C-alpha cells in the first residue's frame, strides 16, 4: 500500500513514517521544514527512513496548491495522513494569523487537492486543545468544544469542521484523531518533558507555570502510533476519536519524576499560568477502544525512562 504523510519530518510524522515502512508500505512524506525549530533536527528524525527505497521526502508547503495537486495527481494513495501544522499553544497567541493560515487554509488546500484528484481517505491529527477548559472530565468526543482558549485550539477545531464538510459534500472517509500530550523520543524541543530533561541534565533553571497542580494526559509516542495505524486501517465514514493514555499527571509530579530519573538538580522558577494553557486534559478513550481496539500500553513512568535513555544516547 502507499500512503502520503504531511508533516513527515516532525515528531509524530517521523515515527509514523518508520512504522509504515516497517510494515513494507510505500510512503511519500511532505514537509515544509517550518522554522519553529531547526531543520537539521527534523532531518535527523528521518535518518532511517531516508535510507529506505520505499520512502520519498518532498519539501512542499501546504499553501502551494499546485504542488499538492501535482503530488496527488502523480500517485494513487490508499490513505493520506495529515499531521502538518503550526505547533505550540503559546506561540499561536503571538502569531495567530500564521496559525490560522497554516492549520486551516493548509487543511483546506489538502482537502481540495484530494477532491480534484479523487482521493477520499484521510486521517487528520487534531488536538486535545479543542476541549479548552471543559469542566467535565474525562473529555469525551461528544462534549461541546465551543470555547477554545488559544488560536491553536481554534485552528484545530476549524480544521475538524472542514473535514466534516468534505465528508458530507464529497463522501470522504475521515477520522479525526484528538491527540493528548504526546511525548517520547524525538519530542519537539519546545515541549515540556524535553525541556525539563534538558534542564536537569545541563543544570539550567526550570520554569514552572502555575502552582504545579495543572494536569495532563501524557501519551507515549508508540501508543499514539498504534492508534493512528488502527485508524488508517478502520477509516470509514466520519469519526472524531480521542487518543490518550486516560490517566493524568500533575505538573509538579512530572517534574519530580524527571528529577528522579535524571538524578539532576536545578532551580525551579514558578511563574503565573500562561494565557492559552488549559488546567487539565484527560481523555475518555472508550470510543477508541471500541472502534479501533486501541489500548495504551506505556505508563508515564516507563515512557519518561525511555525518553531519558534516548536523550542520553543523543548527548
C-alpha atoms as a PDB file:
ATOM      1  CA  UNK A   1       0.000   0.000   0.000  1.00  0.00           C
ATOM      2  CA  UNK A   2       1.037   3.616  -0.492  1.00  0.00           C
ATOM      3  CA  UNK A   3       0.493   6.492   1.909  1.00  0.00           C
ATOM      4  CA  UNK A   4       1.036  10.244   1.938  1.00  0.00           C
ATOM      5  CA  UNK A   5       2.081  11.825   5.257  1.00  0.00           C
ATOM      6  CA  UNK A   6       2.099  15.593   5.687  1.00  0.00           C
ATOM      7  CA  UNK A   7       4.488  16.826   8.376  1.00  0.00           C
ATOM      8  CA  UNK A   8       6.534  13.652   7.887  1.00  0.00           C
ATOM      9  CA  UNK A   9       9.736  15.079   9.384  1.00  0.00           C
ATOM     10  CA  UNK A  10       8.130  16.078  12.674  1.00  0.00           C
ATOM     11  CA  UNK A  11       7.993  14.201  15.964  1.00  0.00           C
ATOM     12  CA  UNK A  12       4.880  12.120  15.282  1.00  0.00           C
ATOM     13  CA  UNK A  13       5.291  12.134  11.497  1.00  0.00           C
ATOM     14  CA  UNK A  14       8.752  10.562  11.565  1.00  0.00           C
ATOM     15  CA  UNK A  15       7.615   7.775  13.910  1.00  0.00           C
ATOM     16  CA  UNK A  16       4.554   7.068  11.751  1.00  0.00           C
ATOM     17  CA  UNK A  17       6.720   7.049   8.625  1.00  0.00           C
ATOM     18  CA  UNK A  18       9.024   4.430  10.157  1.00  0.00           C
ATOM     19  CA  UNK A  19       6.083   2.329  11.352  1.00  0.00           C
ATOM     20  CA  UNK A  20       4.511   2.201   7.881  1.00  0.00           C
ATOM     21  CA  UNK A  21       7.858   1.446   6.239  1.00  0.00           C
ATOM     22  CA  UNK A  22       8.440  -1.371   8.745  1.00  0.00           C
ATOM     23  CA  UNK A  23       5.132  -2.833   7.543  1.00  0.00           C
ATOM     24  CA  UNK A  24       6.539  -2.778   3.983  1.00  0.00           C
ATOM     25  CA  UNK A  25       4.319   0.042   2.766  1.00  0.00           C
ATOM     26  CA  UNK A  26       5.434   2.872   0.495  1.00  0.00           C
ATOM     27  CA  UNK A  27       5.414   6.390   1.925  1.00  0.00           C
ATOM     28  CA  UNK A  28       5.627   9.828   0.352  1.00  0.00           C
ATOM     29  CA  UNK A  29       6.426  12.393   3.027  1.00  0.00           C
ATOM     30  CA  UNK A  30       5.725  16.110   2.735  1.00  0.00           C
ATOM     31  CA  UNK A  31       7.309  18.728   4.989  1.00  0.00           C
ATOM     32  CA  UNK A  32       7.976  22.445   4.601  1.00  0.00           C
ATOM     33  CA  UNK A  33      10.580  22.487   7.420  1.00  0.00           C
ATOM     34  CA  UNK A  34       8.855  25.318   9.247  1.00  0.00           C
ATOM     35  CA  UNK A  35      11.485  27.308  11.192  1.00  0.00           C
ATOM     36  CA  UNK A  36       9.659  26.869  14.529  1.00  0.00           C
ATOM     37  CA  UNK A  37      12.604  24.611  15.310  1.00  0.00           C
ATOM     38  CA  UNK A  38      15.782  23.678  13.447  1.00  0.00           C
ATOM     39  CA  UNK A  39      15.613  21.878  10.102  1.00  0.00           C
ATOM     40  CA  UNK A  40      18.571  19.641  10.992  1.00  0.00           C
ATOM     41  CA  UNK A  41      16.569  18.238  13.941  1.00  0.00           C
ATOM     42  CA  UNK A  42      13.777  17.219  11.555  1.00  0.00           C
ATOM     43  CA  UNK A  43      16.173  15.733   9.009  1.00  0.00           C
ATOM     44  CA  UNK A  44      17.731  13.720  11.837  1.00  0.00           C
ATOM     45  CA  UNK A  45      14.242  12.448  12.716  1.00  0.00           C
ATOM     46  CA  UNK A  46      14.097  10.793   9.288  1.00  0.00           C
ATOM     47  CA  UNK A  47      17.652   9.441   9.171  1.00  0.00           C
ATOM     48  CA  UNK A  48      16.492   5.803   8.980  1.00  0.00           C
ATOM     49  CA  UNK A  49      13.568   6.442   6.636  1.00  0.00           C
ATOM     50  CA  UNK A  50      15.755   8.351   4.163  1.00  0.00           C
ATOM     51  CA  UNK A  51      17.774   5.174   3.567  1.00  0.00           C
ATOM     52  CA  UNK A  52      14.649   3.169   2.721  1.00  0.00           C
ATOM     53  CA  UNK A  53      13.877   2.841  -1.015  1.00  0.00           C
ATOM     54  CA  UNK A  54      10.140   2.844  -0.214  1.00  0.00           C
ATOM     55  CA  UNK A  55      10.317   6.399   1.150  1.00  0.00           C
ATOM     56  CA  UNK A  56      10.433   9.701  -0.690  1.00  0.00           C
ATOM     57  CA  UNK A  57      10.605  13.098   1.049  1.00  0.00           C
ATOM     58  CA  UNK A  58       9.307  16.197  -0.726  1.00  0.00           C
ATOM     59  CA  UNK A  59       9.836  19.719   0.617  1.00  0.00           C
ATOM     60  CA  UNK A  60       6.401  21.197  -0.058  1.00  0.00           C
ATOM     61  CA  UNK A  61       4.319  23.788   1.765  1.00  0.00           C
ATOM     62  CA  UNK A  62       0.566  23.210   2.083  1.00  0.00           C
ATOM     63  CA  UNK A  63      -0.010  26.756   0.856  1.00  0.00           C
ATOM     64  CA  UNK A  64       1.280  25.630  -2.552  1.00  0.00           C
ATOM     65  CA  UNK A  65      -1.894  24.194  -4.043  1.00  0.00           C
ATOM     66  CA  UNK A  66      -0.334  23.489  -7.437  1.00  0.00           C
ATOM     67  CA  UNK A  67       2.402  21.365  -5.823  1.00  0.00           C
ATOM     68  CA  UNK A  68      -0.180  19.463  -3.782  1.00  0.00           C
ATOM     69  CA  UNK A  69      -2.235  18.808  -6.910  1.00  0.00           C
ATOM     70  CA  UNK A  70       0.877  17.610  -8.718  1.00  0.00           C
ATOM     71  CA  UNK A  71       1.808  15.110  -5.982  1.00  0.00           C
ATOM     72  CA  UNK A  72      -1.714  13.737  -5.659  1.00  0.00           C
ATOM     73  CA  UNK A  73      -2.068  13.537  -9.440  1.00  0.00           C
ATOM     74  CA  UNK A  74       1.164  11.568  -9.697  1.00  0.00           C
ATOM     75  CA  UNK A  75       0.281   8.902  -7.124  1.00  0.00           C
ATOM     76  CA  UNK A  76      -2.661   6.813  -6.003  1.00  0.00           C
ATOM     77  CA  UNK A  77      -2.600   6.818  -2.215  1.00  0.00           C
ATOM     78  CA  UNK A  78      -4.527   4.308  -0.131  1.00  0.00           C
ATOM     79  CA  UNK A  79      -4.848   6.990   2.540  1.00  0.00           C
ATOM     80  CA  UNK A  80      -3.479  10.416   3.434  1.00  0.00           C
ATOM     81  CA  UNK A  81      -2.366  11.158   6.992  1.00  0.00           C
ATOM     82  CA  UNK A  82      -2.423  14.879   7.692  1.00  0.00           C
ATOM     83  CA  UNK A  83      -0.067  15.730  10.569  1.00  0.00           C
ATOM     84  CA  UNK A  84       1.382  19.027   9.285  1.00  0.00           C
ATOM     85  CA  UNK A  85       0.517  22.062  11.410  1.00  0.00           C
ATOM     86  CA  UNK A  86       1.904  25.139  13.108  1.00  0.00           C
ATOM     87  CA  UNK A  87       2.513  23.801  16.594  1.00  0.00           C
ATOM     88  CA  UNK A  88       2.627  25.410  20.012  1.00  0.00           C
ATOM     89  CA  UNK A  89      -0.219  26.916  22.023  1.00  0.00           C
ATOM     90  CA  UNK A  90       1.685  29.885  23.416  1.00  0.00           C
ATOM     91  CA  UNK A  91       3.307  30.798  20.119  1.00  0.00           C
ATOM     92  CA  UNK A  92      -0.121  30.854  18.466  1.00  0.00           C
ATOM     93  CA  UNK A  93      -1.092  33.793  20.674  1.00  0.00           C
ATOM     94  CA  UNK A  94       1.864  35.744  19.286  1.00  0.00           C
ATOM     95  CA  UNK A  95       1.235  34.793  15.643  1.00  0.00           C
ATOM     96  CA  UNK A  96      -2.463  33.948  15.265  1.00  0.00           C
ATOM     97  CA  UNK A  97      -2.540  34.787  11.552  1.00  0.00           C
ATOM     98  CA  UNK A  98       0.169  32.225  10.784  1.00  0.00           C
ATOM     99  CA  UNK A  99      -1.645  29.515  12.736  1.00  0.00           C
ATOM    100  CA  UNK A 100      -4.977  30.113  11.060  1.00  0.00           C
ATOM    101  CA  UNK A 101      -3.332  30.241   7.647  1.00  0.00           C
ATOM    102  CA  UNK A 102      -1.333  27.021   8.007  1.00  0.00           C
ATOM    103  CA  UNK A 103      -3.709  24.941  10.097  1.00  0.00           C
ATOM    104  CA  UNK A 104      -6.979  25.973   8.467  1.00  0.00           C
ATOM    105  CA  UNK A 105      -6.093  27.099   4.935  1.00  0.00           C
ATOM    106  CA  UNK A 106      -3.442  24.383   4.657  1.00  0.00           C
ATOM    107  CA  UNK A 107      -6.033  21.757   5.569  1.00  0.00           C
ATOM    108  CA  UNK A 108      -8.480  23.262   3.093  1.00  0.00           C
ATOM    109  CA  UNK A 109      -5.846  23.123   0.339  1.00  0.00           C
ATOM    110  CA  UNK A 110      -5.171  19.463   1.074  1.00  0.00           C
ATOM    111  CA  UNK A 111      -8.881  18.621   1.041  1.00  0.00           C
ATOM    112  CA  UNK A 112      -9.304  20.492  -2.254  1.00  0.00           C
ATOM    113  CA  UNK A 113      -6.337  18.657  -3.787  1.00  0.00           C
ATOM    114  CA  UNK A 114      -7.899  15.379  -2.654  1.00  0.00           C
ATOM    115  CA  UNK A 115     -11.233  16.341  -4.203  1.00  0.00           C
ATOM    116  CA  UNK A 116      -9.647  17.273  -7.516  1.00  0.00           C
ATOM    117  CA  UNK A 117      -7.582  14.069  -7.740  1.00  0.00           C
ATOM    118  CA  UNK A 118     -10.140  11.550  -6.491  1.00  0.00           C
ATOM    119  CA  UNK A 119      -8.540  10.758  -3.132  1.00  0.00           C
ATOM    120  CA  UNK A 120     -11.144  10.149  -0.435  1.00  0.00           C
ATOM    121  CA  UNK A 121      -9.494   8.683   2.671  1.00  0.00           C
ATOM    122  CA  UNK A 122      -7.913  10.970   5.290  1.00  0.00           C
ATOM    123  CA  UNK A 123      -6.694  10.593   8.865  1.00  0.00           C
ATOM    124  CA  UNK A 124      -6.334  14.037  10.431  1.00  0.00           C
ATOM    125  CA  UNK A 125      -4.331  14.922  13.546  1.00  0.00           C
ATOM    126  CA  UNK A 126      -6.318  17.201  15.808  1.00  0.00           C
ATOM    127  CA  UNK A 127      -5.587  18.035  19.443  1.00  0.00           C
ATOM    128  CA  UNK A 128      -6.961  17.783  22.955  1.00  0.00           C
ATOM    129  CA  UNK A 129      -6.590  21.588  22.997  1.00  0.00           C
ATOM    130  CA  UNK A 130     -10.009  21.856  21.348  1.00  0.00           C
ATOM    131  CA  UNK A 131     -11.639  20.931  24.663  1.00  0.00           C
ATOM    132  CA  UNK A 132     -10.398  24.144  26.270  1.00  0.00           C
ATOM    133  CA  UNK A 133     -11.141  24.346  29.987  1.00  0.00           C
ATOM    134  CA  UNK A 134     -14.125  21.998  29.876  1.00  0.00           C
ATOM    135  CA  UNK A 135     -15.048  21.239  33.471  1.00  0.00           C
ATOM    136  CA  UNK A 136     -16.341  17.724  32.735  1.00  0.00           C
ATOM    137  CA  UNK A 137     -13.574  15.131  32.786  1.00  0.00           C
ATOM    138  CA  UNK A 138     -12.571  12.870  31.230  1.00  0.00           C
ATOM    139  CA  UNK A 139     -13.122  14.608  27.891  1.00  0.00           C
ATOM    140  CA  UNK A 140     -15.458  12.740  25.553  1.00  0.00           C
ATOM    141  CA  UNK A 141     -15.817  13.202  21.804  1.00  0.00           C
ATOM    142  CA  UNK A 142     -19.456  14.196  22.312  1.00  0.00           C
ATOM    143  CA  UNK A 143     -18.560  17.058  24.688  1.00  0.00           C
ATOM    144  CA  UNK A 144     -19.037  20.614  23.338  1.00  0.00           C
ATOM    145  CA  UNK A 145     -15.842  22.256  22.074  1.00  0.00           C
ATOM    146  CA  UNK A 146     -17.220  25.746  21.552  1.00  0.00           C
ATOM    147  CA  UNK A 147     -14.770  27.644  23.749  1.00  0.00           C
ATOM    148  CA  UNK A 148     -11.159  27.229  22.542  1.00  0.00           C
ATOM    149  CA  UNK A 149      -8.769  29.373  24.587  1.00  0.00           C
ATOM    150  CA  UNK A 150      -5.918  29.749  22.083  1.00  0.00           C
ATOM    151  CA  UNK A 151      -5.659  30.419  18.342  1.00  0.00           C
ATOM    152  CA  UNK A 152      -4.004  26.998  18.011  1.00  0.00           C
ATOM    153  CA  UNK A 153      -7.038  25.293  19.540  1.00  0.00           C
ATOM    154  CA  UNK A 154      -9.400  27.382  17.416  1.00  0.00           C
ATOM    155  CA  UNK A 155      -7.469  26.443  14.273  1.00  0.00           C
ATOM    156  CA  UNK A 156      -7.694  22.746  15.073  1.00  0.00           C
ATOM    157  CA  UNK A 157     -11.435  22.955  15.696  1.00  0.00           C
ATOM    158  CA  UNK A 158     -11.925  24.827  12.419  1.00  0.00           C
ATOM    159  CA  UNK A 159      -9.915  22.180  10.560  1.00  0.00           C
ATOM    160  CA  UNK A 160     -12.052  19.440  12.114  1.00  0.00           C
ATOM    161  CA  UNK A 161     -15.152  21.182  10.814  1.00  0.00           C
ATOM    162  CA  UNK A 162     -13.674  21.458   7.328  1.00  0.00           C
ATOM    163  CA  UNK A 163     -13.004  17.727   7.413  1.00  0.00           C
ATOM    164  CA  UNK A 164     -16.641  17.046   8.265  1.00  0.00           C
ATOM    165  CA  UNK A 165     -17.781  19.378   5.481  1.00  0.00           C
ATOM    166  CA  UNK A 166     -15.779  17.420   2.874  1.00  0.00           C
ATOM    167  CA  UNK A 167     -17.076  14.140   4.271  1.00  0.00           C
ATOM    168  CA  UNK A 168     -20.631  15.467   3.926  1.00  0.00           C
ATOM    169  CA  UNK A 169     -20.257  17.038   0.485  1.00  0.00           C
ATOM    170  CA  UNK A 170     -17.933  14.558  -1.227  1.00  0.00           C
ATOM    171  CA  UNK A 171     -18.311  11.342   0.783  1.00  0.00           C
ATOM    172  CA  UNK A 172     -14.729  11.408   2.071  1.00  0.00           C
ATOM    173  CA  UNK A 173     -13.796   8.841   4.733  1.00  0.00           C
ATOM    174  CA  UNK A 174     -12.158  10.879   7.506  1.00  0.00           C
ATOM    175  CA  UNK A 175     -11.055  10.003  11.020  1.00  0.00           C
ATOM    176  CA  UNK A 176     -10.096  12.996  13.145  1.00  0.00           C
ATOM    177  CA  UNK A 177      -7.778  11.977  15.975  1.00  0.00           C
ATOM    178  CA  UNK A 178      -7.505  14.192  19.043  1.00  0.00           C
ATOM    179  CA  UNK A 179      -4.007  13.582  20.398  1.00  0.00           C
ATOM    180  CA  UNK A 180      -3.355  14.115  24.111  1.00  0.00           C
ATOM    181  CA  UNK A 181       0.103  15.462  25.166  1.00  0.00           C
ATOM    182  CA  UNK A 182       2.308  13.148  23.119  1.00  0.00           C
ATOM    183  CA  UNK A 183       5.867  12.559  24.380  1.00  0.00           C
ATOM    184  CA  UNK A 184       8.813  10.246  23.783  1.00  0.00           C
ATOM    185  CA  UNK A 185      11.988  10.131  21.655  1.00  0.00           C
ATOM    186  CA  UNK A 186      12.219  12.989  19.101  1.00  0.00           C
ATOM    187  CA  UNK A 187       9.718  15.116  21.026  1.00  0.00           C
ATOM    188  CA  UNK A 188       9.801  18.743  19.860  1.00  0.00           C
ATOM    189  CA  UNK A 189      12.475  20.786  21.672  1.00  0.00           C
ATOM    190  CA  UNK A 190       9.887  23.316  22.884  1.00  0.00           C
ATOM    191  CA  UNK A 191       7.736  20.746  24.679  1.00  0.00           C
ATOM    192  CA  UNK A 192       7.742  20.469  28.450  1.00  0.00           C
ATOM    193  CA  UNK A 193       9.167  16.998  29.042  1.00  0.00           C
ATOM    194  CA  UNK A 194      12.045  17.567  26.618  1.00  0.00           C
ATOM    195  CA  UNK A 195      12.814  20.942  28.185  1.00  0.00           C
ATOM    196  CA  UNK A 196      12.665  19.592  31.743  1.00  0.00           C
ATOM    197  CA  UNK A 197      15.052  16.730  30.979  1.00  0.00           C
ATOM    198  CA  UNK A 198      17.404  19.156  29.234  1.00  0.00           C
ATOM    199  CA  UNK A 199      17.284  21.494  32.248  1.00  0.00           C
ATOM    200  CA  UNK A 200      18.172  18.759  34.742  1.00  0.00           C
ATOM    201  CA  UNK A 201      20.901  17.324  32.519  1.00  0.00           C
ATOM    202  CA  UNK A 202      22.538  20.707  31.926  1.00  0.00           C
ATOM    203  CA  UNK A 203      21.658  22.409  35.233  1.00  0.00           C
ATOM    204  CA  UNK A 204      19.516  25.076  33.605  1.00  0.00           C
ATOM    205  CA  UNK A 205      16.643  26.619  35.604  1.00  0.00           C
ATOM    206  CA  UNK A 206      13.179  25.150  35.042  1.00  0.00           C
ATOM    207  CA  UNK A 207      10.244  27.493  34.578  1.00  0.00           C
ATOM    208  CA  UNK A 208       7.052  26.021  36.009  1.00  0.00           C
ATOM    209  CA  UNK A 209       3.903  27.923  35.104  1.00  0.00           C
ATOM    210  CA  UNK A 210       1.172  27.964  37.735  1.00  0.00           C
ATOM    211  CA  UNK A 211       1.160  26.200  41.109  1.00  0.00           C
ATOM    212  CA  UNK A 212       2.170  22.825  39.655  1.00  0.00           C
ATOM    213  CA  UNK A 213      -1.333  21.374  40.044  1.00  0.00           C
ATOM    214  CA  UNK A 214      -2.281  21.574  36.349  1.00  0.00           C
ATOM    215  CA  UNK A 215      -2.671  18.068  34.939  1.00  0.00           C
ATOM    216  CA  UNK A 216      -2.058  16.460  31.557  1.00  0.00           C
ATOM    217  CA  UNK A 217      -2.938  13.142  29.988  1.00  0.00           C
ATOM    218  CA  UNK A 218       0.577  12.285  28.758  1.00  0.00           C
ATOM    219  CA  UNK A 219       0.516   9.713  25.938  1.00  0.00           C
ATOM    220  CA  UNK A 220       3.634   7.855  24.828  1.00  0.00           C
ATOM    221  CA  UNK A 221       4.524   8.020  21.143  1.00  0.00           C
ATOM    222  CA  UNK A 222       4.283   4.260  20.493  1.00  0.00           C
ATOM    223  CA  UNK A 223       0.686   4.246  21.765  1.00  0.00           C
ATOM    224  CA  UNK A 224      -0.186   7.195  19.512  1.00  0.00           C
ATOM    225  CA  UNK A 225       1.381   5.432  16.511  1.00  0.00           C
ATOM    226  CA  UNK A 226      -0.503   2.224  17.302  1.00  0.00           C
ATOM    227  CA  UNK A 227      -3.782   4.153  17.479  1.00  0.00           C
ATOM    228  CA  UNK A 228      -3.037   6.013  14.265  1.00  0.00           C
ATOM    229  CA  UNK A 229      -2.228   2.798  12.388  1.00  0.00           C
ATOM    230  CA  UNK A 230      -5.504   1.320  13.601  1.00  0.00           C
ATOM    231  CA  UNK A 231      -7.332   4.477  12.463  1.00  0.00           C
ATOM    232  CA  UNK A 232      -5.813   4.154   8.983  1.00  0.00           C
ATOM    233  CA  UNK A 233      -6.949   0.532   8.846  1.00  0.00           C
ATOM    234  CA  UNK A 234     -10.517   1.182  10.023  1.00  0.00           C
ATOM    235  CA  UNK A 235     -11.158   4.602   8.478  1.00  0.00           C
ATOM    236  CA  UNK A 236     -14.696   4.635   7.067  1.00  0.00           C
ATOM    237  CA  UNK A 237     -17.270   7.406   7.265  1.00  0.00           C
ATOM    238  CA  UNK A 238     -16.521  10.289   9.636  1.00  0.00           C
ATOM    239  CA  UNK A 239     -15.411   9.919  13.235  1.00  0.00           C
ATOM    240  CA  UNK A 240     -13.737  12.043  15.908  1.00  0.00           C
ATOM    241  CA  UNK A 241     -11.636   9.870  18.230  1.00  0.00           C
ATOM    242  CA  UNK A 242      -9.595  10.628  21.342  1.00  0.00           C
ATOM    243  CA  UNK A 243      -6.140   9.059  21.528  1.00  0.00           C
ATOM    244  CA  UNK A 244      -4.792   9.475  25.045  1.00  0.00           C
ATOM    245  CA  UNK A 245      -3.436   7.432  27.924  1.00  0.00           C
ATOM    246  CA  UNK A 246      -6.596   8.109  30.011  1.00  0.00           C
ATOM    247  CA  UNK A 247      -4.640   8.885  33.203  1.00  0.00           C
ATOM    248  CA  UNK A 248      -3.406  12.302  34.325  1.00  0.00           C
ATOM    249  CA  UNK A 249      -0.179  13.534  35.895  1.00  0.00           C
ATOM    250  CA  UNK A 250       0.261  16.861  37.651  1.00  0.00           C
ATOM    251  CA  UNK A 251       2.997  19.219  36.516  1.00  0.00           C
ATOM    252  CA  UNK A 252       4.564  19.051  39.970  1.00  0.00           C
ATOM    253  CA  UNK A 253       4.650  15.236  39.862  1.00  0.00           C
ATOM    254  CA  UNK A 254       6.037  15.258  36.323  1.00  0.00           C
ATOM    255  CA  UNK A 255       8.965  17.493  37.308  1.00  0.00           C
ATOM    256  CA  UNK A 256       9.632  15.313  40.362  1.00  0.00           C
ATOM    257  CA  UNK A 257       9.682  12.113  38.285  1.00  0.00           C
ATOM    258  CA  UNK A 258      12.005  13.667  35.706  1.00  0.00           C
ATOM    259  CA  UNK A 259      14.307  14.813  38.505  1.00  0.00           C
ATOM    260  CA  UNK A 260      14.459  11.283  39.951  1.00  0.00           C
ATOM    261  CA  UNK A 261      15.104   9.666  36.561  1.00  0.00           C
ATOM    262  CA  UNK A 262      17.803  12.140  35.524  1.00  0.00           C
ATOM    263  CA  UNK A 263      19.315  12.306  39.023  1.00  0.00           C
ATOM    264  CA  UNK A 264      19.776  16.026  38.402  1.00  0.00           C
ATOM    265  CA  UNK A 265      19.449  19.189  40.431  1.00  0.00           C
ATOM    266  CA  UNK A 266      18.379  22.600  39.230  1.00  0.00           C
ATOM    267  CA  UNK A 267      16.433  25.674  40.262  1.00  0.00           C
ATOM    268  CA  UNK A 268      12.664  25.669  39.704  1.00  0.00           C
ATOM    269  CA  UNK A 269      11.216  29.111  38.955  1.00  0.00           C
ATOM    270  CA  UNK A 270       7.455  29.466  39.483  1.00  0.00           C
ATOM    271  CA  UNK A 271       5.538  31.888  37.275  1.00  0.00           C
ATOM    272  CA  UNK A 272       1.797  32.516  36.747  1.00  0.00           C
ATOM    273  CA  UNK A 273      -0.184  30.317  34.355  1.00  0.00           C
ATOM    274  CA  UNK A 274       0.288  31.384  30.747  1.00  0.00           C
ATOM    275  CA  UNK A 275      -2.600  32.587  28.579  1.00  0.00           C
ATOM    276  CA  UNK A 276      -3.933  29.754  26.434  1.00  0.00           C
ATOM    277  CA  UNK A 277      -2.795  26.978  28.797  1.00  0.00           C
ATOM    278  CA  UNK A 278      -5.578  24.666  29.926  1.00  0.00           C
ATOM    279  CA  UNK A 279      -5.862  23.497  33.523  1.00  0.00           C
ATOM    280  CA  UNK A 280      -6.360  19.837  32.711  1.00  0.00           C
ATOM    281  CA  UNK A 281      -6.578  17.308  29.905  1.00  0.00           C
ATOM    282  CA  UNK A 282      -7.943  13.809  30.346  1.00  0.00           C
ATOM    283  CA  UNK A 283      -9.083  11.507  27.555  1.00  0.00           C
ATOM    284  CA  UNK A 284     -12.128   9.278  27.598  1.00  0.00           C
ATOM    285  CA  UNK A 285     -10.833   6.521  25.307  1.00  0.00           C
ATOM    286  CA  UNK A 286     -13.885   4.236  25.304  1.00  0.00           C
ATOM    287  CA  UNK A 287     -14.662   5.094  21.673  1.00  0.00           C
ATOM    288  CA  UNK A 288     -11.092   4.370  20.570  1.00  0.00           C
ATOM    289  CA  UNK A 289     -11.167   1.060  22.446  1.00  0.00           C
ATOM    290  CA  UNK A 290     -14.455   0.035  20.840  1.00  0.00           C
ATOM    291  CA  UNK A 291     -13.890   1.327  17.308  1.00  0.00           C
ATOM    292  CA  UNK A 292     -10.156   0.712  16.893  1.00  0.00           C
ATOM    293  CA  UNK A 293      -9.192  -1.817  19.528  1.00  0.00           C
ATOM    294  CA  UNK A 294      -6.917   0.894  20.949  1.00  0.00           C
ATOM    295  CA  UNK A 295      -5.239   0.090  24.250  1.00  0.00           C
ATOM    296  CA  UNK A 296      -2.367   2.264  25.505  1.00  0.00           C
ATOM    297  CA  UNK A 297       0.464   0.196  26.964  1.00  0.00           C
ATOM    298  CA  UNK A 298       3.155   2.600  28.227  1.00  0.00           C
ATOM    299  CA  UNK A 299       2.816   4.191  31.672  1.00  0.00           C
ATOM    300  CA  UNK A 300       4.174   7.673  32.346  1.00  0.00           C
ATOM    301  CA  UNK A 301       6.972   6.182  34.470  1.00  0.00           C
ATOM    302  CA  UNK A 302       8.108   3.798  31.728  1.00  0.00           C
ATOM    303  CA  UNK A 303       7.691   6.410  28.988  1.00  0.00           C
ATOM    304  CA  UNK A 304       9.793   9.001  30.830  1.00  0.00           C
ATOM    305  CA  UNK A 305      12.518   6.407  31.379  1.00  0.00           C
ATOM    306  CA  UNK A 306      12.542   5.565  27.655  1.00  0.00           C
ATOM    307  CA  UNK A 307      12.728   9.234  26.671  1.00  0.00           C
ATOM    308  CA  UNK A 308      15.584   9.806  29.118  1.00  0.00           C
ATOM    309  CA  UNK A 309      17.548   6.857  27.723  1.00  0.00           C
ATOM    310  CA  UNK A 310      17.050   8.180  24.194  1.00  0.00           C
ATOM    311  CA  UNK A 311      18.256  11.643  25.211  1.00  0.00           C
ATOM    312  CA  UNK A 312      21.336  10.165  26.886  1.00  0.00           C
ATOM    313  CA  UNK A 313      22.243   8.306  23.686  1.00  0.00           C
ATOM    314  CA  UNK A 314      21.805  11.563  21.740  1.00  0.00           C
ATOM    315  CA  UNK A 315      24.037  13.651  24.037  1.00  0.00           C
END
